[in-house]
C-alpha atoms as a PDB file:
ATOM      1  CA  MET A   1      94.655 173.833  87.751  1.00  0.00           C
ATOM      2  CA  HIS A   2      90.990 174.220  88.679  1.00  0.00           C
ATOM      3  CA  GLY A   3      88.976 171.732  90.919  1.00  0.00           C
ATOM      4  CA  PRO A   4      86.257 171.820  93.412  1.00  0.00           C
ATOM      5  CA  LEU A   5      87.564 172.857  97.608  1.00  0.00           C
ATOM      6  CA  SER A   6      85.987 170.049  98.770  1.00  0.00           C
ATOM      7  CA  GLU A   7      87.811 167.395  97.132  1.00  0.00           C
ATOM      8  CA  ILE A   8      91.922 169.628  97.970  1.00  0.00           C
ATOM      9  CA  GLY A   9      92.324 172.349  99.844  1.00  0.00           C
ATOM     10  CA  LEU A  10      93.286 175.619  99.864  1.00  0.00           C
ATOM     11  CA  ILE A  11      96.436 175.073 102.251  1.00  0.00           C
ATOM     12  CA  GLU A  12      97.561 171.736  98.962  1.00  0.00           C
ATOM     13  CA  VAL A  13      96.996 173.658  96.198  1.00  0.00           C
ATOM     14  CA  LEU A  14      99.716 176.840  97.839  1.00  0.00           C
ATOM     15  CA  GLN A  15     101.667 174.100  97.927  1.00  0.00           C
ATOM     16  CA  LEU A  16     102.064 172.810  95.525  1.00  0.00           C
ATOM     17  CA  LEU A  17     102.325 176.558  93.616  1.00  0.00           C
ATOM     18  CA  GLU A  18     104.982 177.031  95.868  1.00  0.00           C
ATOM     19  CA  ARG A  19     106.596 173.619  95.638  1.00  0.00           C
ATOM     20  CA  GLY A  20     106.864 173.690  91.894  1.00  0.00           C
ATOM     21  CA  GLY A  21     107.970 178.029  91.428  1.00  0.00           C
ATOM     22  CA  ARG A  22     104.658 178.906  89.758  1.00  0.00           C
ATOM     23  CA  SER A  23     103.406 181.811  88.811  1.00  0.00           C
ATOM     24  CA  GLY A  24     100.655 182.688  87.784  1.00  0.00           C
ATOM     25  CA  VAL A  25      96.495 184.124  89.062  1.00  0.00           C
ATOM     26  CA  LEU A  26      94.665 181.679  91.640  1.00  0.00           C
ATOM     27  CA  SER A  27      90.940 182.524  91.789  1.00  0.00           C
ATOM     28  CA  ILE A  28      89.492 181.487  94.786  1.00  0.00           C
ATOM     29  CA  SER A  29      85.471 181.481  95.953  1.00  0.00           C
ATOM     30  CA  GLY A  30      84.107 180.378  98.785  1.00  0.00           C
ATOM     31  CA  ALA A  31      80.336 180.902 100.370  1.00  0.00           C
ATOM     32  CA  HIS A  32      79.579 183.804  97.136  1.00  0.00           C
ATOM     33  CA  PRO A  33      81.352 182.600  94.052  1.00  0.00           C
ATOM     34  CA  ALA A  34      80.242 186.482  92.261  1.00  0.00           C
ATOM     35  CA  GLU A  35      83.064 187.460  94.857  1.00  0.00           C
ATOM     36  CA  PRO A  36      85.981 186.044  94.174  1.00  0.00           C
ATOM     37  CA  CYS A  37      89.440 186.410  95.381  1.00  0.00           C
ATOM     38  CA  GLN A  38      92.516 186.278  93.313  1.00  0.00           C
ATOM     39  CA  LEU A  39      95.831 185.716  94.619  1.00  0.00           C
ATOM     40  CA  TYR A  40      98.671 187.422  92.390  1.00  0.00           C
ATOM     41  CA  ILE A  41     101.629 183.843  93.212  1.00  0.00           C
ATOM     42  CA  ARG A  42     105.055 184.896  91.910  1.00  0.00           C
ATOM     43  CA  GLU A  43     107.453 181.963  91.646  1.00  0.00           C
ATOM     44  CA  GLY A  44     105.466 179.833  94.479  1.00  0.00           C
ATOM     45  CA  GLU A  45     105.116 183.234  96.904  1.00  0.00           C
ATOM     46  CA  VAL A  46     101.762 185.079  96.959  1.00  0.00           C
ATOM     47  CA  VAL A  47     102.651 188.302  96.395  1.00  0.00           C
ATOM     48  CA  ALA A  48      99.216 190.463  96.279  1.00  0.00           C
ATOM     49  CA  LEU A  49      95.681 189.215  97.309  1.00  0.00           C
ATOM     50  CA  GLU A  50      93.092 191.357  95.763  1.00  0.00           C
ATOM     51  CA  PRO A  51      90.082 192.763  97.219  1.00  0.00           C
ATOM     52  CA  VAL A  52      91.574 191.805 100.789  1.00  0.00           C
ATOM     53  CA  ALA A  53      94.300 192.958 101.138  1.00  0.00           C
ATOM     54  CA  GLY A  54      94.161 195.793  97.702  1.00  0.00           C
ATOM     55  CA  ASP A  55      95.144 199.631  98.597  1.00  0.00           C
ATOM     56  CA  ALA A  56      91.056 200.066  99.109  1.00  0.00           C
ATOM     57  CA  ALA A  57      90.835 197.907 101.673  1.00  0.00           C
ATOM     58  CA  THR A  58      94.343 198.978 103.295  1.00  0.00           C
ATOM     59  CA  VAL A  59      93.269 202.068 103.437  1.00  0.00           C
ATOM     60  CA  ARG A  60      89.902 201.198 105.061  1.00  0.00           C
ATOM     61  CA  ALA A  61      91.069 199.359 107.713  1.00  0.00           C
ATOM     62  CA  LEU A  62      93.764 202.195 108.568  1.00  0.00           C
ATOM     63  CA  VAL A  63      90.270 204.933 108.962  1.00  0.00           C
ATOM     64  CA  ALA A  64      89.009 202.356 110.888  1.00  0.00           C
ATOM     65  CA  ARG A  65      91.452 201.635 113.404  1.00  0.00           C
ATOM     66  CA  HIS A  66      92.147 205.444 113.863  1.00  0.00           C
ATOM     67  CA  LEU A  67      96.036 205.337 112.277  1.00  0.00           C
ATOM     68  CA  ILE A  68      95.418 207.967 109.498  1.00  0.00           C
ATOM     69  CA  SER A  69      91.965 211.048 109.185  1.00  0.00           C
ATOM     70  CA  ASP A  70      89.515 210.711 106.817  1.00  0.00           C
ATOM     71  CA  THR A  71      91.604 213.979 105.071  1.00  0.00           C
ATOM     72  CA  GLU A  72      94.607 211.670 104.813  1.00  0.00           C
ATOM     73  CA  ALA A  73      92.647 208.624 103.402  1.00  0.00           C
ATOM     74  CA  ALA A  74      90.802 211.033 100.194  1.00  0.00           C
ATOM     75  CA  ASP A  75      93.761 213.575 100.061  1.00  0.00           C
ATOM     76  CA  ASP A  76      97.390 211.530 100.459  1.00  0.00           C
ATOM     77  CA  SER A  77      97.932 209.231  97.183  1.00  0.00           C
ATOM     78  CA  GLY A  78     101.236 208.321  99.673  1.00  0.00           C
ATOM     79  CA  VAL A  79      99.932 206.686 102.229  1.00  0.00           C
ATOM     80  CA  ILE A  80      99.612 203.418 100.595  1.00  0.00           C
ATOM     81  CA  ALA A  81     103.073 203.277 101.124  1.00  0.00           C
ATOM     82  CA  ARG A  82     103.882 204.200 104.379  1.00  0.00           C
ATOM     83  CA  PRO A  83     105.160 201.269 107.400  1.00  0.00           C
ATOM     84  CA  MET A  84     101.858 201.469 108.592  1.00  0.00           C
ATOM     85  CA  ALA A  85     100.148 200.425 105.786  1.00  0.00           C
ATOM     86  CA  VAL A  86     102.617 198.154 104.527  1.00  0.00           C
ATOM     87  CA  GLN A  87     102.524 196.411 107.877  1.00  0.00           C
ATOM     88  CA  MET A  88      98.742 196.623 107.649  1.00  0.00           C
ATOM     89  CA  ARG A  89      97.755 195.303 104.310  1.00  0.00           C
ATOM     90  CA  THR A  90     100.207 191.769 105.686  1.00  0.00           C
ATOM     91  CA  GLN A  91      98.221 191.285 108.721  1.00  0.00           C
ATOM     92  CA  LEU A  92      94.929 191.165 105.917  1.00  0.00           C
ATOM     93  CA  ALA A  93      96.435 189.005 103.268  1.00  0.00           C
ATOM     94  CA  ALA A  94      96.958 186.526 106.410  1.00  0.00           C
ATOM     95  CA  ARG A  95      94.414 187.275 108.474  1.00  0.00           C
ATOM     96  CA  ALA A  96      92.350 186.526 104.855  1.00  0.00           C
ATOM     97  CA  LEU A  97      94.048 183.463 104.179  1.00  0.00           C
ATOM     98  CA  GLY A  98      94.442 182.049 107.316  1.00  0.00           C
ATOM     99  CA  GLU A  99      90.533 181.809 106.944  1.00  0.00           C
ATOM    100  CA  MET A 100      90.711 180.488 103.451  1.00  0.00           C
ATOM    101  CA  LEU A 101      93.012 177.815 104.535  1.00  0.00           C
ATOM    102  CA  HIS A 102      89.380 176.578 106.222  1.00  0.00           C
ATOM    103  CA  TRP A 103      87.322 176.911 103.157  1.00  0.00           C
ATOM    104  CA  ARG A 104      86.083 172.803 102.299  1.00  0.00           C
ATOM    105  CA  ARG A 105      83.096 175.429  99.949  1.00  0.00           C
ATOM    106  CA  GLY A 106      84.020 176.214  96.684  1.00  0.00           C
ATOM    107  CA  ARG A 107      86.680 176.169  93.926  1.00  0.00           C
ATOM    108  CA  PHE A 108      89.320 176.887  92.967  1.00  0.00           C
ATOM    109  CA  ASP A 109      91.126 178.320  89.473  1.00  0.00           C
ATOM    110  CA  PHE A 110      94.926 178.910  88.835  1.00  0.00           C
ATOM    111  CA  VAL A 111      95.861 180.430  85.499  1.00  0.00           C
ATOM    112  CA  ALA A 112      99.787 180.207  84.922  1.00  0.00           C
ATOM    113  CA  GLY A 113     101.620 183.063  83.909  1.00  0.00           C
ATOM    114  CA  ALA A 114     103.805 186.285  84.125  1.00  0.00           C
ATOM    115  CA  VAL A 115     103.470 187.829  87.695  1.00  0.00           C
ATOM    116  CA  GLY A 116     105.358 190.797  88.534  1.00  0.00           C
ATOM    117  CA  PRO A 117     106.965 191.847  92.042  1.00  0.00           C
ATOM    118  CA  GLY A 118     103.729 192.593  94.483  1.00  0.00           C
ATOM    119  CA  PRO A 119     103.044 194.081  97.587  1.00  0.00           C
ATOM    120  CA  LEU A 120     102.729 191.283  99.804  1.00  0.00           C
ATOM    121  CA  SER A 121     105.904 188.416 100.139  1.00  0.00           C
ATOM    122  CA  LEU A 122     103.878 185.936 101.955  1.00  0.00           C
ATOM    123  CA  SER A 123     105.340 182.035 101.688  1.00  0.00           C
ATOM    124  CA  PRO A 124     102.255 179.380 101.760  1.00  0.00           C
ATOM    125  CA  ASP A 125     104.354 176.886 104.425  1.00  0.00           C
ATOM    126  CA  ALA A 126     104.720 179.437 106.083  1.00  0.00           C
ATOM    127  CA  LEU A 127     101.007 180.337 106.571  1.00  0.00           C
ATOM    128  CA  VAL A 128     100.687 176.714 107.799  1.00  0.00           C
ATOM    129  CA  PHE A 129     103.721 177.931 110.603  1.00  0.00           C
ATOM    130  CA  ASP A 130     101.422 180.856 111.136  1.00  0.00           C
ATOM    131  CA  LEU A 131      98.086 178.779 111.513  1.00  0.00           C
ATOM    132  CA  VAL A 132      99.332 176.544 114.431  1.00  0.00           C
ATOM    133  CA  ALA A 133     100.919 179.430 115.983  1.00  0.00           C
ATOM    134  CA  SER A 134      97.780 181.524 115.796  1.00  0.00           C
ATOM    135  CA  GLU A 135      95.938 178.856 117.428  1.00  0.00           C
ATOM    136  CA  SER A 136      98.069 177.802 120.368  1.00  0.00           C
ATOM    137  CA  GLN A 137      98.099 181.234 120.697  1.00  0.00           C
ATOM    138  CA  ARG A 138      94.117 180.709 121.411  1.00  0.00           C
ATOM    139  CA  VAL A 139      95.367 177.287 123.701  1.00  0.00           C
ATOM    140  CA  GLU A 140      97.391 180.341 126.056  1.00  0.00           C
ATOM    141  CA  PHE A 141      95.095 182.533 126.821  1.00  0.00           C
ATOM    142  CA  ALA A 142      91.959 180.347 126.711  1.00  0.00           C
ATOM    143  CA  PRO A 143      92.667 179.077 130.225  1.00  0.00           C
ATOM    144  CA  LEU A 144      93.591 183.178 131.496  1.00  0.00           C
ATOM    145  CA  MET A 145      90.119 184.844 129.680  1.00  0.00           C
ATOM    146  CA  GLN A 146      87.744 181.783 130.421  1.00  0.00           C
ATOM    147  CA  GLU A 147      87.982 179.854 127.207  1.00  0.00           C
ATOM    148  CA  PHE A 148      86.977 183.904 126.017  1.00  0.00           C
ATOM    149  CA  ARG A 149      84.399 184.284 127.954  1.00  0.00           C
ATOM    150  CA  ALA A 150      84.663 186.290 130.603  1.00  0.00           C
ATOM    151  CA  ILE A 151      84.154 190.383 130.726  1.00  0.00           C
ATOM    152  CA  PRO A 152      86.469 193.384 130.383  1.00  0.00           C
ATOM    153  CA  THR A 153      85.966 195.746 133.359  1.00  0.00           C
ATOM    154  CA  PHE A 154      87.670 198.678 133.951  1.00  0.00           C
ATOM    155  CA  VAL A 155      88.923 198.322 137.961  1.00  0.00           C
ATOM    156  CA  ALA A 156      88.091 201.182 140.579  1.00  0.00           C
ATOM    157  CA  PRO A 157      89.279 205.071 140.164  1.00  0.00           C
ATOM    158  CA  ASP A 158      91.204 205.267 143.497  1.00  0.00           C
ATOM    159  CA  ILE A 159      93.031 201.829 141.305  1.00  0.00           C
ATOM    160  CA  LEU A 160      92.704 203.808 137.642  1.00  0.00           C
ATOM    161  CA  ALA A 161      94.341 207.235 139.528  1.00  0.00           C
ATOM    162  CA  VAL A 162      97.361 205.689 140.503  1.00  0.00           C
ATOM    163  CA  GLY A 163     100.676 206.204 138.616  1.00  0.00           C
ATOM    164  CA  ASP A 164     101.905 207.453 135.197  1.00  0.00           C
ATOM    165  CA  VAL A 165      99.732 207.462 132.139  1.00  0.00           C
ATOM    166  CA  PRO A 166     100.494 203.489 130.523  1.00  0.00           C
ATOM    167  CA  ALA A 167     101.465 204.014 126.548  1.00  0.00           C
ATOM    168  CA  ILE A 168      98.369 202.862 124.541  1.00  0.00           C
ATOM    169  CA  THR A 169      98.676 201.668 121.629  1.00  0.00           C
ATOM    170  CA  PRO A 170      95.531 202.567 118.539  1.00  0.00           C
ATOM    171  CA  ARG A 171      94.427 198.951 118.783  1.00  0.00           C
ATOM    172  CA  GLU A 172      94.120 199.016 122.608  1.00  0.00           C
ATOM    173  CA  TRP A 173      92.328 202.601 122.583  1.00  0.00           C
ATOM    174  CA  ARG A 174      89.572 200.723 120.030  1.00  0.00           C
ATOM    175  CA  LEU A 175      89.017 198.402 122.498  1.00  0.00           C
ATOM    176  CA  LEU A 176      88.900 200.810 125.924  1.00  0.00           C
ATOM    177  CA  ASP A 177      85.468 202.729 123.574  1.00  0.00           C
ATOM    178  CA  GLN A 178      84.009 198.980 123.394  1.00  0.00           C
ATOM    179  CA  ILE A 179      84.097 198.329 127.361  1.00  0.00           C
ATOM    180  CA  ASP A 180      80.897 198.443 128.708  1.00  0.00           C
ATOM    181  CA  GLY A 181      80.653 195.570 131.797  1.00  0.00           C
ATOM    182  CA  ALA A 182      78.645 193.076 129.660  1.00  0.00           C
ATOM    183  CA  ARG A 183      80.405 191.792 126.383  1.00  0.00           C
ATOM    184  CA  ASP A 184      83.074 188.576 127.087  1.00  0.00           C
ATOM    185  CA  VAL A 185      85.637 188.674 125.487  1.00  0.00           C
ATOM    186  CA  ALA A 186      85.154 186.673 122.179  1.00  0.00           C
ATOM    187  CA  THR A 187      82.206 189.246 122.079  1.00  0.00           C
ATOM    188  CA  LEU A 188      84.580 191.911 121.498  1.00  0.00           C
ATOM    189  CA  ALA A 189      87.061 190.479 119.549  1.00  0.00           C
ATOM    190  CA  ALA A 190      83.506 189.995 117.350  1.00  0.00           C
ATOM    191  CA  ALA A 191      82.690 193.604 117.733  1.00  0.00           C
ATOM    192  CA  LEU A 192      86.866 195.161 116.491  1.00  0.00           C
ATOM    193  CA  ASP A 193      86.589 192.981 113.841  1.00  0.00           C
ATOM    194  CA  GLU A 194      90.199 191.641 115.188  1.00  0.00           C
ATOM    195  CA  PRO A 195      91.114 187.821 116.200  1.00  0.00           C
ATOM    196  CA  VAL A 196      90.135 187.189 119.410  1.00  0.00           C
ATOM    197  CA  ASP A 197      93.998 186.206 120.241  1.00  0.00           C
ATOM    198  CA  GLU A 198      94.957 189.401 119.304  1.00  0.00           C
ATOM    199  CA  VAL A 199      92.018 190.877 121.277  1.00  0.00           C
ATOM    200  CA  ALA A 200      92.999 189.440 124.374  1.00  0.00           C
ATOM    201  CA  ALA A 201      97.161 189.375 124.667  1.00  0.00           C
ATOM    202  CA  SER A 202      95.927 193.525 124.047  1.00  0.00           C
ATOM    203  CA  ILE A 203      93.580 193.134 127.395  1.00  0.00           C
ATOM    204  CA  GLN A 204      96.226 190.790 129.351  1.00  0.00           C
ATOM    205  CA  SER A 205      98.253 194.264 128.837  1.00  0.00           C
ATOM    206  CA  LEU A 206      96.130 196.768 129.557  1.00  0.00           C
ATOM    207  CA  GLN A 207      95.689 194.446 133.464  1.00  0.00           C
ATOM    208  CA  GLY A 208      99.596 194.683 133.554  1.00  0.00           C
ATOM    209  CA  ALA A 209      98.622 198.340 133.240  1.00  0.00           C
ATOM    210  CA  LEU A 210      96.085 198.179 136.228  1.00  0.00           C
ATOM    211  CA  ILE A 211      93.318 199.151 133.468  1.00  0.00           C
ATOM    212  CA  LEU A 212      91.321 196.794 133.046  1.00  0.00           C
ATOM    213  CA  GLU A 213      90.674 194.164 135.263  1.00  0.00           C
ATOM    214  CA  LEU A 214      88.138 190.406 133.761  1.00  0.00           C
ATOM    215  CA  ARG A 215      85.369 189.517 136.296  1.00  0.00           C
ATOM    216  CA  ARG A 216      84.671 185.592 135.684  1.00  0.00           C
ATOM    217  CA  PRO A 217      81.855 184.421 133.347  1.00  0.00           C
ATOM    218  CA  PRO A 218      78.847 181.796 134.848  1.00  0.00           C
ATOM    219  CA  ALA A 219      81.434 178.586 136.316  1.00  0.00           C
ATOM    220  CA  ASP A 220      80.105 176.230 133.273  1.00  0.00           C
ATOM    221  CA  ALA A 221      82.577 178.230 131.016  1.00  0.00           C
ATOM    222  CA  GLY A 222      86.344 176.465 130.918  1.00  0.00           C
ATOM    223  CA  ARG A 223      87.835 173.048 131.067  1.00  0.00           C
ATOM    224  CA  SER A 224      90.140 172.732 133.120  1.00  0.00           C
ATOM    225  CA  VAL A 225      92.395 170.768 130.518  1.00  0.00           C
ATOM    226  CA  TYR A 226      93.525 173.850 128.834  1.00  0.00           C
ATOM    227  CA  SER A 227      94.913 175.011 132.031  1.00  0.00           C
ATOM    228  CA  ALA A 228      97.526 171.591 131.630  1.00  0.00           C
ATOM    229  CA  ILE A 229      97.925 171.766 128.080  1.00  0.00           C
ATOM    230  CA  ASP A 230      99.282 176.305 128.376  1.00  0.00           C
ATOM    231  CA  ALA A 231     101.576 174.691 131.670  1.00  0.00           C
ATOM    232  CA  GLY A 232     103.414 172.375 129.111  1.00  0.00           C
ATOM    233  CA  ARG A 233     101.532 169.383 130.629  1.00  0.00           C
ATOM    234  CA  TYR A 234     100.484 167.343 128.484  1.00  0.00           C
ATOM    235  CA  GLU A 235     100.490 164.150 128.925  1.00  0.00           C
ATOM    236  CA  GLU A 236      98.191 165.383 131.531  1.00  0.00           C
ATOM    237  CA  ALA A 237      96.158 166.446 129.070  1.00  0.00           C
ATOM    238  CA  THR A 238      96.101 163.899 126.966  1.00  0.00           C
ATOM    239  CA  ARG A 239      95.216 161.065 129.870  1.00  0.00           C
ATOM    240  CA  LEU A 240      92.325 163.400 130.967  1.00  0.00           C
ATOM    241  CA  LEU A 241      90.188 164.101 127.120  1.00  0.00           C
ATOM    242  CA  ARG A 242      91.032 159.923 126.665  1.00  0.00           C
ATOM    243  CA  GLU A 243      89.366 159.645 130.152  1.00  0.00           C
ATOM    244  CA  ARG A 244      86.920 162.388 128.664  1.00  0.00           C
ATOM    245  CA  LEU A 245      86.227 160.269 125.379  1.00  0.00           C
ATOM    246  CA  ALA A 246      86.517 157.248 126.941  1.00  0.00           C
ATOM    247  CA  GLU A 247      82.492 158.346 128.198  1.00  0.00           C
ATOM    248  CA  CYS A 248      81.736 160.220 125.900  1.00  0.00           C
ATOM    249  CA  PRO A 249      82.906 159.618 121.877  1.00  0.00           C
ATOM    250  CA  ASP A 250      81.194 162.285 120.659  1.00  0.00           C
ATOM    251  CA  ASP A 251      82.285 165.293 122.166  1.00  0.00           C
ATOM    252  CA  VAL A 252      83.830 167.162 119.529  1.00  0.00           C
ATOM    253  CA  GLU A 253      85.578 169.676 121.655  1.00  0.00           C
ATOM    254  CA  ALA A 254      87.620 167.122 123.393  1.00  0.00           C
ATOM    255  CA  TRP A 255      88.952 165.311 120.235  1.00  0.00           C
ATOM    256  CA  ARG A 256      89.962 169.342 119.307  1.00  0.00           C
ATOM    257  CA  ALA A 257      91.284 169.695 122.204  1.00  0.00           C
ATOM    258  CA  LEU A 258      93.129 166.342 122.014  1.00  0.00           C
ATOM    259  CA  GLY A 259      94.623 166.862 118.916  1.00  0.00           C
ATOM    260  CA  LEU A 260      96.443 170.608 120.257  1.00  0.00           C
ATOM    261  CA  ALA A 261      97.324 168.703 123.714  1.00  0.00           C
ATOM    262  CA  GLU A 262      99.555 165.599 120.973  1.00  0.00           C
ATOM    263  CA  VAL A 263     101.168 168.152 119.409  1.00  0.00           C
ATOM    264  CA  GLY A 264     102.236 169.444 122.279  1.00  0.00           C
ATOM    265  CA  ALA A 265     104.232 166.327 123.089  1.00  0.00           C
ATOM    266  CA  GLY A 266     105.386 166.150 119.558  1.00  0.00           C
ATOM    267  CA  ARG A 267     103.076 163.196 118.645  1.00  0.00           C
ATOM    268  CA  PHE A 268     101.747 164.099 115.644  1.00  0.00           C
ATOM    269  CA  ASP A 269     100.027 161.678 114.009  1.00  0.00           C
ATOM    270  CA  ALA A 270      98.622 161.160 117.357  1.00  0.00           C
ATOM    271  CA  ALA A 271      96.620 164.459 115.966  1.00  0.00           C
ATOM    272  CA  ILE A 272      96.082 164.454 112.847  1.00  0.00           C
ATOM    273  CA  ASP A 273      94.046 160.959 114.207  1.00  0.00           C
ATOM    274  CA  ALA A 274      92.266 162.572 116.504  1.00  0.00           C
ATOM    275  CA  TRP A 275      91.411 165.610 114.617  1.00  0.00           C
ATOM    276  CA  GLN A 276      89.455 163.354 111.962  1.00  0.00           C
ATOM    277  CA  SER A 277      88.417 162.297 114.836  1.00  0.00           C
ATOM    278  CA  TRP A 278      87.498 165.744 115.247  1.00  0.00           C
ATOM    279  CA  ARG A 279      86.131 166.553 111.740  1.00  0.00           C
ATOM    280  CA  THR A 280      83.784 163.185 111.284  1.00  0.00           C
ATOM    281  CA  ASN A 281      81.741 163.914 114.706  1.00  0.00           C
ATOM    282  CA  ASP A 282      81.297 167.457 114.213  1.00  0.00           C
ATOM    283  CA  PRO A 283      80.655 168.629 109.619  1.00  0.00           C
ATOM    284  CA  ALA A 284      80.249 171.876 111.200  1.00  0.00           C
ATOM    285  CA  HIS A 285      84.101 172.570 111.589  1.00  0.00           C
ATOM    286  CA  ALA A 286      85.104 169.652 109.264  1.00  0.00           C
ATOM    287  CA  GLY A 287      87.008 172.926 107.684  1.00  0.00           C
ATOM    288  CA  ASP A 288      89.064 173.584 111.128  1.00  0.00           C
ATOM    289  CA  ALA A 289      90.043 170.158 111.526  1.00  0.00           C
ATOM    290  CA  ALA A 290      91.010 169.626 107.918  1.00  0.00           C
ATOM    291  CA  ALA A 291      93.361 172.860 107.812  1.00  0.00           C
ATOM    292  CA  LEU A 292      94.801 171.921 111.500  1.00  0.00           C
ATOM    293  CA  MET A 293      95.624 168.039 110.340  1.00  0.00           C
ATOM    294  CA  GLN A 294      97.548 169.721 106.733  1.00  0.00           C
ATOM    295  CA  ALA A 295      98.707 171.579 109.084  1.00  0.00           C
ATOM    296  CA  ALA A 296     100.197 168.778 111.094  1.00  0.00           C
ATOM    297  CA  ARG A 297     101.006 166.822 108.430  1.00  0.00           C
ATOM    298  CA  THR A 298     102.613 169.227 107.327  1.00  0.00           C
ATOM    299  CA  MET A 299     105.216 169.514 110.530  1.00  0.00           C
ATOM    300  CA  VAL A 300     105.785 165.738 110.071  1.00  0.00           C
ATOM    301  CA  GLU A 301     107.403 165.926 106.624  1.00  0.00           C
ATOM    302  CA  ALA A 302     109.339 168.809 107.629  1.00  0.00           C
ATOM    303  CA  LEU A 303     110.742 166.512 110.792  1.00  0.00           C
ATOM    304  CA  ARG A 304     111.521 163.754 108.599  1.00  0.00           C
ATOM    305  CA  ASP A 305     113.129 166.279 106.102  1.00  0.00           C
ATOM    306  CA  ALA A 306     115.246 167.876 108.350  1.00  0.00           C
ATOM    307  CA  ARG A 307     115.892 163.677 109.812  1.00  0.00           C
ATOM    308  CA  ASP A 308     117.131 162.703 106.428  1.00  0.00           C
END
C-alpha cells in the first residue's frame, strides 16, 4: 500500500491499518524525502517510530531537558529503560505523529510483514482524540494567555521572597531560564521546542506559585470569542463568529474558531463544514484543517457506533 499524502492523509492510512489489524513498516516522507520516518506497526498499533523517537533521539531529549547528564548519556547503557526515558520516548512519538497527521505533502509506503513488540504502544484512533484534546487545551489557554502573545515576567522581588520555595519541575526550570521580559508565550514555546499549550500550562502553574506574572500584549491581540468558547458558551461563540463571517467571509481564523465552537456544541457535521471553509480559504493551513475534519468524522462514526 502506497501513495501521496495529498490524496490520503496519514490519519486515514493509520486507521485503515488499525482496523485491519495489519503488521509491517510504514515509511512516511514529508517535505524532506531524503529523511523519511519509519513507523513499525504491530496488529494496527504503532510500536516504534524511527528515528524521531528512537533511542538516540530519546537520550538527546533527556539531556536537553536536563533530566540526565552528558556523562549518564554516554556511560549508562541502561538509561533508555528508565521510566523517565519511556515517558520521554512516548511524548516524542506522540508529538511527531501529531505533526505528521497534518502533512499533505510527501508520500507513504507500507510493507506488510511480521513486527515484534516495541517500546511504544500507540493506537491511531487514540492519537486522533489526543489531537482534538490538544486543540481543546489550546482553546482553554488562548484567552488566558492573550492568544499566546502575553509576555511572562518575574514578579516583584518582595513578592518572590514570600513563602516556601515551591516544587518546580525540570520543564519549569527550563522555562524560567528563558524568561527575559520580552518574548511572548508562543516565542518561548518555540525556543524550548515544546508544545505551546504545555508551556502555557507551566506558566499558569508558575503564576499560581507567585513566581511569574503576565504582561498584556498590544490591545489588538486576542478575540473575545475565545472567552466564550473557554466558558462553554458555544451558542454565543457561534453567533458571534457567524456574524463576523457574514461581514467577512474570508476570515480564516473565524472559520477555524467556528469549527471549535461547533465541536463544543456537539455539532460535528457543522464543524466539518466550517473547517472545510477554513481549508478552502487558507491553503497554507490545509493540512491542519484536514486533520481536524478527520478527527470530527472519527467522532461522528464513534457516536453512530455507540447508538447502534
